[in-house]
Amino acid sequence: MELLRLYDFLPSGNAYKIRLLLTQLGMPFERVEVNILKGETRTPEFLSKNPNGKIPVLEIEPGKYLAESNAILVYLSEGTEFLPYDRFLRSQVLQWLFFEQYSHQPFIAPSRFWISILGKAEEYSEALKQKREPGYAALNLMEKHLTYETFFVGERYTIADIALFAYTHVADEGGFDLTQFPAIQAWIKRVKAQPRYITINDIPKDIEF
């Protein structure tokens, strides 16, 4: 099997999802840093890998690329404990992946990017205000679910948790107050307690470069 190559940007929650899953699966991979702040995802070379000009991108074998973080999660988790075999549970995982990309990430991730990565909270103040209500709506929905569930699907840790964890656990960096969500906070601790957990700023020491 060819060594997997991950085109990555360390602060990105979407890229972190893939690093976390690969590490927890114990799969070696080569990591290639692509600095989105320097326009490196807009070069002809990168666009030949992902015409959408976004990271992460997983090179499965030479010239064979897969984009979109949650699609990559599904690909990597096939046949593992991170993706249920049961048809209904599997569809529930997909349900949460779609929720994360449509109702969660578009509000929480940009807020963090503007405030903590670009350091331009004042410049984006009006846009940040527009992200608050839908962002908190997503967190409230998660809180209600986690009040009665240990993890998001089937009482077990799956890629649904990885997808939602990536930006939720750093939502405070985007100005969201997580102290009002005790069930989410308890779930974050459970995720961090999983085997081979790495933080969003960690580069696994045993990966290939």
N, C-alpha and C. Protein backbone atom coordinates (compact mmCIF):
# COMPACT_ATOMS: atom_id res chain seq x y z
N MET A 1 0.84 -1.20 0.00
CA MET A 1 0.00 0.00 0.00
C MET A 1 0.87 1.25 0.00
N GLU A 2 0.53 2.20 -0.86
CA GLU A 2 1.27 3.45 -0.91
C GLU A 2 1.10 4.23 0.40
N LEU A 3 2.12 4.99 0.77
CA LEU A 3 2.03 5.84 1.95
C LEU A 3 1.05 6.97 1.67
N LEU A 4 0.10 7.18 2.56
CA LEU A 4 -0.85 8.26 2.42
C LEU A 4 -0.14 9.60 2.58
N ARG A 5 -0.57 10.59 1.82
CA ARG A 5 0.00 11.93 1.93
C ARG A 5 -1.15 12.90 2.22
N LEU A 6 -1.01 13.63 3.33
CA LEU A 6 -2.05 14.58 3.73
C LEU A 6 -1.57 16.00 3.50
N TYR A 7 -2.30 16.73 2.65
CA TYR A 7 -2.05 18.16 2.45
C TYR A 7 -2.83 18.90 3.52
N ASP A 8 -2.12 19.61 4.38
CA ASP A 8 -2.61 19.98 5.69
C ASP A 8 -2.29 21.45 5.98
N PHE A 9 -3.06 22.06 6.88
CA PHE A 9 -2.74 23.37 7.45
C PHE A 9 -2.99 23.22 8.94
N LEU A 10 -1.95 23.29 9.74
CA LEU A 10 -2.02 22.87 11.14
C LEU A 10 -3.17 23.48 11.93
N PRO A 11 -3.48 24.78 11.82
CA PRO A 11 -4.57 25.34 12.63
C PRO A 11 -5.97 24.92 12.19
N SER A 12 -6.09 24.33 11.01
CA SER A 12 -7.41 24.02 10.45
C SER A 12 -8.10 22.88 11.19
N GLY A 13 -9.33 23.11 11.61
CA GLY A 13 -10.12 22.05 12.23
C GLY A 13 -10.46 20.94 11.25
N ASN A 14 -10.72 21.31 10.00
CA ASN A 14 -11.04 20.30 9.00
C ASN A 14 -9.85 19.38 8.74
N ALA A 15 -8.66 19.94 8.71
CA ALA A 15 -7.46 19.11 8.54
C ALA A 15 -7.17 18.30 9.80
N TYR A 16 -7.43 18.90 10.95
CA TYR A 16 -7.21 18.21 12.23
C TYR A 16 -8.03 16.93 12.32
N LYS A 17 -9.25 16.96 11.80
CA LYS A 17 -10.08 15.74 11.79
C LYS A 17 -9.30 14.56 11.20
N ILE A 18 -8.63 14.81 10.09
CA ILE A 18 -7.94 13.74 9.39
C ILE A 18 -6.69 13.30 10.15
N ARG A 19 -5.92 14.25 10.66
CA ARG A 19 -4.74 13.90 11.48
C ARG A 19 -5.14 13.07 12.68
N LEU A 20 -6.24 13.47 13.33
CA LEU A 20 -6.69 12.76 14.52
C LEU A 20 -7.09 11.33 14.19
N LEU A 21 -7.91 11.16 13.14
CA LEU A 21 -8.35 9.81 12.79
C LEU A 21 -7.18 8.94 12.34
N LEU A 22 -6.30 9.47 11.49
CA LEU A 22 -5.14 8.69 11.05
C LEU A 22 -4.30 8.24 12.23
N THR A 23 -4.10 9.14 13.19
CA THR A 23 -3.31 8.80 14.37
C THR A 23 -4.01 7.74 15.21
N GLN A 24 -5.32 7.87 15.39
CA GLN A 24 -6.05 6.91 16.20
C GLN A 24 -6.18 5.56 15.50
N LEU A 25 -6.10 5.56 14.18
CA LEU A 25 -6.08 4.31 13.42
C LEU A 25 -4.69 3.69 13.39
N GLY A 26 -3.68 4.47 13.77
CA GLY A 26 -2.30 3.99 13.72
C GLY A 26 -1.78 3.87 12.30
N MET A 27 -2.28 4.72 11.41
CA MET A 27 -1.88 4.66 10.01
C MET A 27 -0.78 5.69 9.73
N PRO A 28 0.38 5.26 9.26
CA PRO A 28 1.44 6.21 8.94
C PRO A 28 1.06 7.07 7.73
N PHE A 29 1.49 8.30 7.74
CA PHE A 29 1.20 9.19 6.62
C PHE A 29 2.26 10.27 6.52
N GLU A 30 2.39 10.80 5.34
CA GLU A 30 3.27 11.93 5.10
C GLU A 30 2.43 13.20 5.16
N ARG A 31 2.90 14.18 5.90
CA ARG A 31 2.16 15.42 6.06
C ARG A 31 2.84 16.52 5.26
N VAL A 32 2.05 17.23 4.45
CA VAL A 32 2.56 18.35 3.66
C VAL A 32 1.83 19.62 4.09
N GLU A 33 2.54 20.54 4.70
CA GLU A 33 1.93 21.79 5.16
C GLU A 33 1.64 22.70 3.96
N VAL A 34 0.40 23.18 3.89
CA VAL A 34 -0.03 24.09 2.84
C VAL A 34 -0.59 25.33 3.54
N ASN A 35 0.12 26.43 3.46
CA ASN A 35 -0.26 27.63 4.20
C ASN A 35 -1.33 28.41 3.43
N ILE A 36 -2.55 28.32 3.92
CA ILE A 36 -3.65 29.00 3.24
C ILE A 36 -3.53 30.52 3.34
N LEU A 37 -2.82 31.00 4.36
CA LEU A 37 -2.67 32.45 4.54
C LEU A 37 -1.73 33.05 3.50
N LYS A 38 -0.94 32.21 2.88
CA LYS A 38 -0.02 32.67 1.84
C LYS A 38 -0.51 32.31 0.44
N GLY A 39 -1.76 31.88 0.36
CA GLY A 39 -2.33 31.58 -0.95
C GLY A 39 -1.84 30.29 -1.57
N GLU A 40 -1.29 29.39 -0.75
CA GLU A 40 -0.69 28.17 -1.30
C GLU A 40 -1.72 27.16 -1.80
N THR A 41 -3.00 27.36 -1.47
CA THR A 41 -4.02 26.46 -2.02
C THR A 41 -4.56 26.99 -3.35
N ARG A 42 -4.02 28.11 -3.80
CA ARG A 42 -4.49 28.72 -5.05
C ARG A 42 -3.47 28.60 -6.19
N THR A 43 -2.40 27.89 -5.94
CA THR A 43 -1.40 27.70 -6.98
C THR A 43 -1.89 26.66 -7.99
N PRO A 44 -1.42 26.74 -9.23
CA PRO A 44 -1.80 25.73 -10.22
C PRO A 44 -1.49 24.31 -9.76
N GLU A 45 -0.37 24.15 -9.06
CA GLU A 45 0.01 22.82 -8.59
C GLU A 45 -1.01 22.26 -7.61
N PHE A 46 -1.45 23.09 -6.64
CA PHE A 46 -2.41 22.60 -5.67
C PHE A 46 -3.78 22.42 -6.31
N LEU A 47 -4.17 23.34 -7.17
CA LEU A 47 -5.48 23.25 -7.81
C LEU A 47 -5.59 22.02 -8.71
N SER A 48 -4.47 21.49 -9.14
CA SER A 48 -4.50 20.25 -9.91
C SER A 48 -4.86 19.06 -9.02
N LYS A 49 -4.67 19.22 -7.72
CA LYS A 49 -5.02 18.18 -6.76
C LYS A 49 -6.45 18.35 -6.26
N ASN A 50 -6.84 19.60 -6.02
CA ASN A 50 -8.21 19.92 -5.60
C ASN A 50 -8.64 21.23 -6.26
N PRO A 51 -9.41 21.15 -7.33
CA PRO A 51 -9.84 22.37 -8.04
C PRO A 51 -10.62 23.35 -7.17
N ASN A 52 -11.14 22.87 -6.04
CA ASN A 52 -11.87 23.74 -5.12
C ASN A 52 -10.93 24.60 -4.28
N GLY A 53 -9.64 24.28 -4.32
CA GLY A 53 -8.64 25.12 -3.65
C GLY A 53 -8.73 25.13 -2.15
N LYS A 54 -9.03 23.99 -1.55
CA LYS A 54 -9.15 23.91 -0.09
C LYS A 54 -8.41 22.70 0.45
N ILE A 55 -7.98 22.84 1.71
CA ILE A 55 -7.43 21.68 2.42
C ILE A 55 -8.50 21.20 3.42
N PRO A 56 -8.44 19.96 3.85
CA PRO A 56 -7.41 18.97 3.56
C PRO A 56 -7.65 18.26 2.23
N VAL A 57 -6.56 17.70 1.73
CA VAL A 57 -6.61 16.80 0.58
C VAL A 57 -5.79 15.57 0.95
N LEU A 58 -6.33 14.41 0.69
CA LEU A 58 -5.60 13.16 0.96
C LEU A 58 -5.19 12.53 -0.36
N GLU A 59 -3.89 12.33 -0.52
CA GLU A 59 -3.39 11.61 -1.68
C GLU A 59 -3.31 10.14 -1.32
N ILE A 60 -4.18 9.36 -1.90
CA ILE A 60 -4.32 7.95 -1.56
C ILE A 60 -3.23 7.11 -2.22
N GLU A 61 -2.91 7.47 -3.41
CA GLU A 61 -1.80 6.89 -4.17
C GLU A 61 -1.39 7.96 -5.17
N PRO A 62 -0.23 7.82 -5.80
CA PRO A 62 0.22 8.90 -6.69
C PRO A 62 -0.83 9.31 -7.72
N GLY A 63 -1.22 10.58 -7.67
CA GLY A 63 -2.18 11.12 -8.62
C GLY A 63 -3.63 10.85 -8.29
N LYS A 64 -3.91 10.20 -7.16
CA LYS A 64 -5.29 9.89 -6.77
C LYS A 64 -5.62 10.65 -5.49
N TYR A 65 -6.49 11.67 -5.61
CA TYR A 65 -6.74 12.61 -4.51
C TYR A 65 -8.19 12.57 -4.05
N LEU A 66 -8.37 12.80 -2.76
CA LEU A 66 -9.71 12.91 -2.18
C LEU A 66 -9.77 14.17 -1.34
N ALA A 67 -10.78 15.00 -1.61
CA ALA A 67 -10.96 16.25 -0.86
C ALA A 67 -12.23 16.16 -0.01
N GLU A 68 -12.50 17.21 0.74
CA GLU A 68 -13.63 17.35 1.67
C GLU A 68 -13.40 16.47 2.90
N SER A 69 -13.20 17.13 4.03
CA SER A 69 -12.78 16.44 5.25
C SER A 69 -13.68 15.27 5.65
N ASN A 70 -14.99 15.47 5.58
CA ASN A 70 -15.87 14.40 6.04
C ASN A 70 -15.93 13.23 5.07
N ALA A 71 -15.73 13.51 3.78
CA ALA A 71 -15.61 12.41 2.81
C ALA A 71 -14.35 11.60 3.10
N ILE A 72 -13.27 12.29 3.46
CA ILE A 72 -12.02 11.60 3.80
C ILE A 72 -12.20 10.76 5.06
N LEU A 73 -12.93 11.29 6.05
CA LEU A 73 -13.21 10.53 7.27
C LEU A 73 -13.92 9.22 6.93
N VAL A 74 -14.92 9.28 6.07
CA VAL A 74 -15.67 8.08 5.70
C VAL A 74 -14.75 7.10 4.98
N TYR A 75 -13.95 7.58 4.07
CA TYR A 75 -13.03 6.72 3.32
C TYR A 75 -12.09 5.98 4.27
N LEU A 76 -11.48 6.72 5.19
CA LEU A 76 -10.49 6.12 6.09
C LEU A 76 -11.12 5.18 7.12
N SER A 77 -12.35 5.44 7.49
CA SER A 77 -12.97 4.66 8.57
C SER A 77 -13.71 3.42 8.09
N GLU A 78 -13.82 3.23 6.77
CA GLU A 78 -14.48 2.04 6.24
C GLU A 78 -13.83 0.78 6.82
N GLY A 79 -14.69 -0.11 7.37
CA GLY A 79 -14.20 -1.37 7.91
C GLY A 79 -13.53 -1.26 9.26
N THR A 80 -13.67 -0.11 9.93
CA THR A 80 -13.07 0.08 11.25
C THR A 80 -14.16 0.34 12.29
N GLU A 81 -13.76 0.41 13.55
CA GLU A 81 -14.69 0.67 14.64
C GLU A 81 -15.23 2.10 14.62
N PHE A 82 -14.65 2.95 13.80
CA PHE A 82 -15.05 4.36 13.76
C PHE A 82 -16.27 4.62 12.87
N LEU A 83 -16.69 3.59 12.12
CA LEU A 83 -17.87 3.73 11.25
C LEU A 83 -18.72 2.47 11.40
N PRO A 84 -19.91 2.58 12.01
CA PRO A 84 -20.73 1.39 12.25
C PRO A 84 -21.10 0.65 10.95
N TYR A 85 -21.22 -0.66 11.08
CA TYR A 85 -21.64 -1.47 9.94
C TYR A 85 -23.16 -1.44 9.80
N ASP A 86 -23.87 -1.37 10.95
CA ASP A 86 -25.33 -1.33 10.93
C ASP A 86 -25.82 -0.18 10.05
N ARG A 87 -26.77 -0.48 9.19
CA ARG A 87 -27.23 0.48 8.19
C ARG A 87 -27.80 1.75 8.81
N PHE A 88 -28.61 1.60 9.86
CA PHE A 88 -29.22 2.78 10.48
C PHE A 88 -28.18 3.60 11.24
N LEU A 89 -27.32 2.94 12.01
CA LEU A 89 -26.29 3.66 12.75
C LEU A 89 -25.33 4.38 11.80
N ARG A 90 -25.01 3.70 10.72
CA ARG A 90 -24.13 4.31 9.72
C ARG A 90 -24.78 5.58 9.13
N SER A 91 -26.06 5.51 8.86
CA SER A 91 -26.76 6.67 8.33
C SER A 91 -26.85 7.79 9.36
N GLN A 92 -26.93 7.45 10.63
CA GLN A 92 -26.90 8.46 11.68
C GLN A 92 -25.56 9.18 11.72
N VAL A 93 -24.48 8.42 11.54
CA VAL A 93 -23.16 9.05 11.45
C VAL A 93 -23.13 10.05 10.31
N LEU A 94 -23.64 9.65 9.15
CA LEU A 94 -23.67 10.56 8.00
C LEU A 94 -24.55 11.78 8.29
N GLN A 95 -25.64 11.55 9.01
CA GLN A 95 -26.52 12.66 9.38
C GLN A 95 -25.76 13.72 10.15
N TRP A 96 -24.93 13.31 11.11
CA TRP A 96 -24.16 14.26 11.91
C TRP A 96 -23.04 14.90 11.08
N LEU A 97 -22.48 14.14 10.14
CA LEU A 97 -21.45 14.72 9.27
C LEU A 97 -22.05 15.83 8.42
N PHE A 98 -23.25 15.61 7.91
CA PHE A 98 -23.92 16.63 7.10
C PHE A 98 -24.29 17.83 7.97
N PHE A 99 -24.76 17.57 9.17
CA PHE A 99 -25.09 18.65 10.11
C PHE A 99 -23.85 19.50 10.39
N GLU A 100 -22.72 18.84 10.61
CA GLU A 100 -21.49 19.56 10.93
C GLU A 100 -21.10 20.51 9.80
N GLN A 101 -21.22 20.06 8.57
CA GLN A 101 -20.79 20.88 7.45
C GLN A 101 -21.80 21.96 7.06
N TYR A 102 -23.08 21.74 7.35
CA TYR A 102 -24.11 22.68 6.92
C TYR A 102 -24.57 23.62 8.05
N SER A 103 -24.70 23.10 9.27
CA SER A 103 -25.32 23.87 10.35
C SER A 103 -24.35 24.24 11.48
N HIS A 104 -23.13 23.77 11.42
CA HIS A 104 -22.18 23.96 12.52
C HIS A 104 -20.91 24.67 12.04
N GLN A 105 -20.16 24.03 11.21
CA GLN A 105 -18.88 24.55 10.74
C GLN A 105 -18.97 25.94 10.09
N PRO A 106 -20.00 26.22 9.27
CA PRO A 106 -20.04 27.53 8.61
C PRO A 106 -20.15 28.73 9.55
N PHE A 107 -20.50 28.48 10.80
CA PHE A 107 -20.68 29.57 11.75
C PHE A 107 -19.57 29.61 12.81
N ILE A 108 -19.17 28.45 13.29
CA ILE A 108 -18.16 28.40 14.35
C ILE A 108 -16.75 28.52 13.79
N ALA A 109 -16.48 27.85 12.68
CA ALA A 109 -15.12 27.88 12.11
C ALA A 109 -14.70 29.26 11.62
N PRO A 110 -15.53 29.97 10.84
CA PRO A 110 -15.10 31.30 10.39
C PRO A 110 -14.86 32.27 11.55
N SER A 111 -15.67 32.16 12.59
CA SER A 111 -15.49 33.05 13.75
C SER A 111 -14.12 32.83 14.37
N ARG A 112 -13.74 31.59 14.52
CA ARG A 112 -12.41 31.29 15.07
C ARG A 112 -11.31 31.78 14.13
N PHE A 113 -11.52 31.60 12.85
CA PHE A 113 -10.52 32.02 11.86
C PHE A 113 -10.30 33.53 11.93
N TRP A 114 -11.38 34.29 11.94
CA TRP A 114 -11.26 35.75 11.95
C TRP A 114 -10.64 36.27 13.25
N ILE A 115 -11.02 35.66 14.38
CA ILE A 115 -10.56 36.16 15.68
C ILE A 115 -9.16 35.65 16.03
N SER A 116 -8.98 34.33 15.98
CA SER A 116 -7.77 33.73 16.54
C SER A 116 -6.66 33.45 15.53
N ILE A 117 -7.00 33.32 14.27
CA ILE A 117 -5.96 33.03 13.27
C ILE A 117 -5.56 34.31 12.54
N LEU A 118 -6.55 35.07 12.07
CA LEU A 118 -6.24 36.34 11.41
C LEU A 118 -6.02 37.48 12.40
N GLY A 119 -6.63 37.36 13.59
CA GLY A 119 -6.52 38.44 14.58
C GLY A 119 -7.22 39.71 14.13
N LYS A 120 -8.37 39.57 13.46
CA LYS A 120 -9.07 40.72 12.91
C LYS A 120 -10.53 40.78 13.40
N ALA A 121 -10.72 40.60 14.69
CA ALA A 121 -12.07 40.60 15.25
C ALA A 121 -12.81 41.90 14.98
N GLU A 122 -12.10 43.00 15.09
CA GLU A 122 -12.75 44.30 14.89
C GLU A 122 -13.16 44.48 13.42
N GLU A 123 -12.29 44.10 12.53
CA GLU A 123 -12.57 44.24 11.10
C GLU A 123 -13.78 43.39 10.69
N TYR A 124 -13.93 42.22 11.32
CA TYR A 124 -15.01 41.30 10.97
C TYR A 124 -16.16 41.34 11.99
N SER A 125 -16.26 42.41 12.74
CA SER A 125 -17.23 42.47 13.84
C SER A 125 -18.67 42.25 13.37
N GLU A 126 -19.04 42.83 12.26
CA GLU A 126 -20.41 42.67 11.77
C GLU A 126 -20.67 41.24 11.32
N ALA A 127 -19.72 40.65 10.62
CA ALA A 127 -19.86 39.26 10.18
C ALA A 127 -19.91 38.32 11.38
N LEU A 128 -19.13 38.63 12.40
CA LEU A 128 -19.13 37.80 13.61
C LEU A 128 -20.49 37.81 14.29
N LYS A 129 -21.13 38.97 14.32
CA LYS A 129 -22.46 39.07 14.91
C LYS A 129 -23.45 38.16 14.18
N GLN A 130 -23.32 38.09 12.87
CA GLN A 130 -24.23 37.27 12.06
C GLN A 130 -24.01 35.78 12.28
N LYS A 131 -22.83 35.41 12.73
CA LYS A 131 -22.52 34.00 12.98
C LYS A 131 -22.98 33.53 14.35
N ARG A 132 -23.22 34.46 15.28
CA ARG A 132 -23.50 34.09 16.66
C ARG A 132 -24.76 33.23 16.82
N GLU A 133 -25.88 33.74 16.33
CA GLU A 133 -27.15 33.03 16.57
C GLU A 133 -27.15 31.62 15.97
N PRO A 134 -26.81 31.44 14.68
CA PRO A 134 -26.80 30.08 14.14
C PRO A 134 -25.72 29.20 14.78
N GLY A 135 -24.61 29.80 15.19
CA GLY A 135 -23.58 29.03 15.87
C GLY A 135 -24.06 28.49 17.20
N TYR A 136 -24.71 29.33 17.97
CA TYR A 136 -25.25 28.88 19.25
C TYR A 136 -26.42 27.91 19.06
N ALA A 137 -27.15 28.06 17.98
CA ALA A 137 -28.24 27.12 17.69
C ALA A 137 -27.66 25.71 17.49
N ALA A 138 -26.55 25.62 16.78
CA ALA A 138 -25.89 24.32 16.57
C ALA A 138 -25.40 23.75 17.88
N LEU A 139 -24.79 24.57 18.71
CA LEU A 139 -24.30 24.11 20.01
C LEU A 139 -25.44 23.67 20.91
N ASN A 140 -26.55 24.40 20.88
CA ASN A 140 -27.71 24.01 21.69
C ASN A 140 -28.28 22.67 21.26
N LEU A 141 -28.31 22.41 19.97
CA LEU A 141 -28.79 21.13 19.48
C LEU A 141 -27.88 20.00 19.94
N MET A 142 -26.58 20.23 19.86
CA MET A 142 -25.61 19.24 20.34
C MET A 142 -25.76 19.00 21.83
N GLU A 143 -25.95 20.08 22.58
CA GLU A 143 -26.10 19.97 24.04
C GLU A 143 -27.29 19.10 24.41
N LYS A 144 -28.41 19.31 23.73
CA LYS A 144 -29.61 18.52 24.01
C LYS A 144 -29.37 17.04 23.73
N HIS A 145 -28.70 16.75 22.63
CA HIS A 145 -28.42 15.36 22.27
C HIS A 145 -27.48 14.72 23.28
N LEU A 146 -26.44 15.43 23.66
CA LEU A 146 -25.43 14.88 24.56
C LEU A 146 -25.88 14.82 26.01
N THR A 147 -26.98 15.47 26.31
CA THR A 147 -27.53 15.37 27.66
C THR A 147 -27.96 13.94 27.95
N TYR A 148 -28.32 13.21 26.91
CA TYR A 148 -28.82 11.84 27.07
C TYR A 148 -27.91 10.79 26.42
N GLU A 149 -26.89 11.23 25.69
CA GLU A 149 -26.03 10.30 24.96
C GLU A 149 -24.56 10.54 25.34
N THR A 150 -23.81 9.44 25.41
CA THR A 150 -22.38 9.55 25.72
C THR A 150 -21.61 10.07 24.53
N PHE A 151 -21.92 9.53 23.35
CA PHE A 151 -21.35 9.98 22.09
C PHE A 151 -22.49 10.22 21.12
N PHE A 152 -22.17 10.64 19.90
CA PHE A 152 -23.26 11.06 19.01
C PHE A 152 -24.06 9.91 18.41
N VAL A 153 -23.43 8.77 18.21
CA VAL A 153 -24.13 7.65 17.57
C VAL A 153 -23.82 6.34 18.28
N GLY A 154 -24.88 5.64 18.67
CA GLY A 154 -24.72 4.28 19.17
C GLY A 154 -23.90 4.12 20.43
N GLU A 155 -23.79 5.19 21.22
CA GLU A 155 -23.05 5.13 22.48
C GLU A 155 -21.60 4.69 22.29
N ARG A 156 -21.02 5.07 21.14
CA ARG A 156 -19.63 4.73 20.88
C ARG A 156 -18.97 5.87 20.12
N TYR A 157 -17.67 5.96 20.24
CA TYR A 157 -16.88 7.00 19.59
C TYR A 157 -16.73 6.68 18.11
N THR A 158 -17.21 7.59 17.25
CA THR A 158 -17.17 7.39 15.81
C THR A 158 -16.64 8.65 15.12
N ILE A 159 -16.60 8.59 13.79
CA ILE A 159 -16.18 9.78 13.05
C ILE A 159 -17.17 10.92 13.18
N ALA A 160 -18.39 10.64 13.63
CA ALA A 160 -19.34 11.73 13.92
C ALA A 160 -18.79 12.60 15.04
N ASP A 161 -18.21 11.96 16.05
CA ASP A 161 -17.62 12.70 17.16
C ASP A 161 -16.38 13.47 16.71
N ILE A 162 -15.55 12.82 15.90
CA ILE A 162 -14.35 13.49 15.40
C ILE A 162 -14.72 14.73 14.60
N ALA A 163 -15.70 14.60 13.71
CA ALA A 163 -16.10 15.72 12.87
C ALA A 163 -16.60 16.90 13.70
N LEU A 164 -17.43 16.62 14.69
CA LEU A 164 -18.01 17.69 15.50
C LEU A 164 -17.03 18.23 16.54
N PHE A 165 -16.15 17.37 17.01
CA PHE A 165 -15.17 17.78 18.02
C PHE A 165 -14.21 18.84 17.48
N ALA A 166 -13.81 18.69 16.22
CA ALA A 166 -12.72 19.50 15.66
C ALA A 166 -12.90 20.99 15.91
N TYR A 167 -14.07 21.52 15.57
CA TYR A 167 -14.30 22.95 15.77
C TYR A 167 -15.02 23.27 17.08
N THR A 168 -15.75 22.31 17.63
CA THR A 168 -16.47 22.59 18.88
C THR A 168 -15.52 22.83 20.03
N HIS A 169 -14.47 22.01 20.15
CA HIS A 169 -13.61 22.12 21.34
C HIS A 169 -12.77 23.40 21.33
N VAL A 170 -12.70 24.08 20.18
CA VAL A 170 -12.01 25.36 20.11
C VAL A 170 -12.97 26.50 19.78
N ALA A 171 -14.26 26.27 20.02
CA ALA A 171 -15.27 27.29 19.71
C ALA A 171 -15.05 28.57 20.51
N ASP A 172 -14.46 28.44 21.69
CA ASP A 172 -14.18 29.64 22.50
C ASP A 172 -13.19 30.56 21.79
N GLU A 173 -12.35 30.01 20.92
CA GLU A 173 -11.41 30.82 20.16
C GLU A 173 -12.14 31.67 19.11
N GLY A 174 -13.41 31.35 18.89
CA GLY A 174 -14.23 32.14 17.99
C GLY A 174 -15.27 32.96 18.73
N GLY A 175 -15.10 33.07 20.05
CA GLY A 175 -15.98 33.91 20.84
C GLY A 175 -17.22 33.23 21.37
N PHE A 176 -17.32 31.90 21.23
CA PHE A 176 -18.48 31.17 21.76
C PHE A 176 -18.19 30.70 23.18
N ASP A 177 -19.14 30.93 24.06
CA ASP A 177 -18.98 30.58 25.47
C ASP A 177 -19.44 29.14 25.70
N LEU A 178 -18.49 28.24 25.91
CA LEU A 178 -18.82 26.83 26.11
C LEU A 178 -19.20 26.50 27.56
N THR A 179 -19.01 27.44 28.47
CA THR A 179 -19.30 27.15 29.88
C THR A 179 -20.79 26.92 30.11
N GLN A 180 -21.63 27.38 29.20
CA GLN A 180 -23.07 27.19 29.36
C GLN A 180 -23.55 25.86 28.77
N PHE A 181 -22.60 25.01 28.35
CA PHE A 181 -22.94 23.73 27.75
C PHE A 181 -22.25 22.58 28.49
N PRO A 182 -22.74 22.22 29.65
CA PRO A 182 -22.07 21.18 30.45
C PRO A 182 -22.00 19.82 29.78
N ALA A 183 -23.01 19.45 29.02
CA ALA A 183 -22.98 18.15 28.34
C ALA A 183 -21.91 18.13 27.26
N ILE A 184 -21.76 19.23 26.54
CA ILE A 184 -20.70 19.34 25.53
C ILE A 184 -19.34 19.29 26.20
N GLN A 185 -19.19 19.98 27.31
CA GLN A 185 -17.91 19.98 28.01
C GLN A 185 -17.53 18.57 28.49
N ALA A 186 -18.52 17.82 28.98
CA ALA A 186 -18.25 16.45 29.42
C ALA A 186 -17.88 15.57 28.24
N TRP A 187 -18.55 15.77 27.12
CA TRP A 187 -18.25 15.01 25.90
C TRP A 187 -16.84 15.34 25.40
N ILE A 188 -16.45 16.59 25.44
CA ILE A 188 -15.10 16.98 25.04
C ILE A 188 -14.06 16.22 25.86
N LYS A 189 -14.29 16.09 27.15
CA LYS A 189 -13.38 15.34 28.02
C LYS A 189 -13.33 13.87 27.62
N ARG A 190 -14.47 13.32 27.23
CA ARG A 190 -14.50 11.91 26.81
C ARG A 190 -13.72 11.71 25.51
N VAL A 191 -13.86 12.65 24.60
CA VAL A 191 -13.10 12.55 23.34
C VAL A 191 -11.61 12.63 23.62
N LYS A 192 -11.21 13.55 24.47
CA LYS A 192 -9.80 13.72 24.79
C LYS A 192 -9.21 12.51 25.50
N ALA A 193 -10.08 11.70 26.10
CA ALA A 193 -9.64 10.51 26.82
C ALA A 193 -9.49 9.29 25.90
N GLN A 194 -9.82 9.43 24.63
CA GLN A 194 -9.73 8.31 23.70
C GLN A 194 -8.28 7.94 23.41
N PRO A 195 -8.02 6.67 23.13
CA PRO A 195 -6.64 6.25 22.81
C PRO A 195 -6.06 7.01 21.64
N ARG A 196 -4.77 7.33 21.75
CA ARG A 196 -4.01 8.01 20.69
C ARG A 196 -4.56 9.39 20.35
N TYR A 197 -5.17 10.02 21.31
CA TYR A 197 -5.68 11.38 21.09
C TYR A 197 -4.51 12.34 20.89
N ILE A 198 -4.66 13.27 19.95
CA ILE A 198 -3.69 14.35 19.76
C ILE A 198 -4.45 15.67 19.75
N THR A 199 -3.78 16.74 20.13
CA THR A 199 -4.41 18.05 20.12
C THR A 199 -4.37 18.63 18.71
N ILE A 200 -5.08 19.71 18.50
CA ILE A 200 -5.16 20.32 17.18
C ILE A 200 -3.80 20.87 16.73
N ASN A 201 -2.92 21.14 17.68
CA ASN A 201 -1.61 21.68 17.33
C ASN A 201 -0.51 20.63 17.30
N ASP A 202 -0.86 19.38 17.57
CA ASP A 202 0.12 18.30 17.59
C ASP A 202 0.41 17.77 16.19
N ILE A 203 1.67 17.51 15.94
CA ILE A 203 2.08 16.75 14.76
C ILE A 203 2.55 15.41 15.29
N PRO A 204 1.85 14.32 14.96
CA PRO A 204 2.26 13.01 15.48
C PRO A 204 3.74 12.74 15.21
N LYS A 205 4.45 12.27 16.22
CA LYS A 205 5.89 12.11 16.13
C LYS A 205 6.33 10.95 15.24
N ASP A 206 5.42 9.97 15.05
CA ASP A 206 5.82 8.78 14.32
C ASP A 206 5.34 8.79 12.87
N ILE A 207 4.88 9.97 12.38
CA ILE A 207 4.46 9.99 10.99
C ILE A 207 5.67 10.22 10.09
N GLU A 208 5.49 9.97 8.83
CA GLU A 208 6.56 10.16 7.86
C GLU A 208 6.56 11.61 7.37
N PHE A 209 7.74 12.10 7.02
CA PHE A 209 7.85 13.44 6.45
C PHE A 209 8.60 13.37 5.12
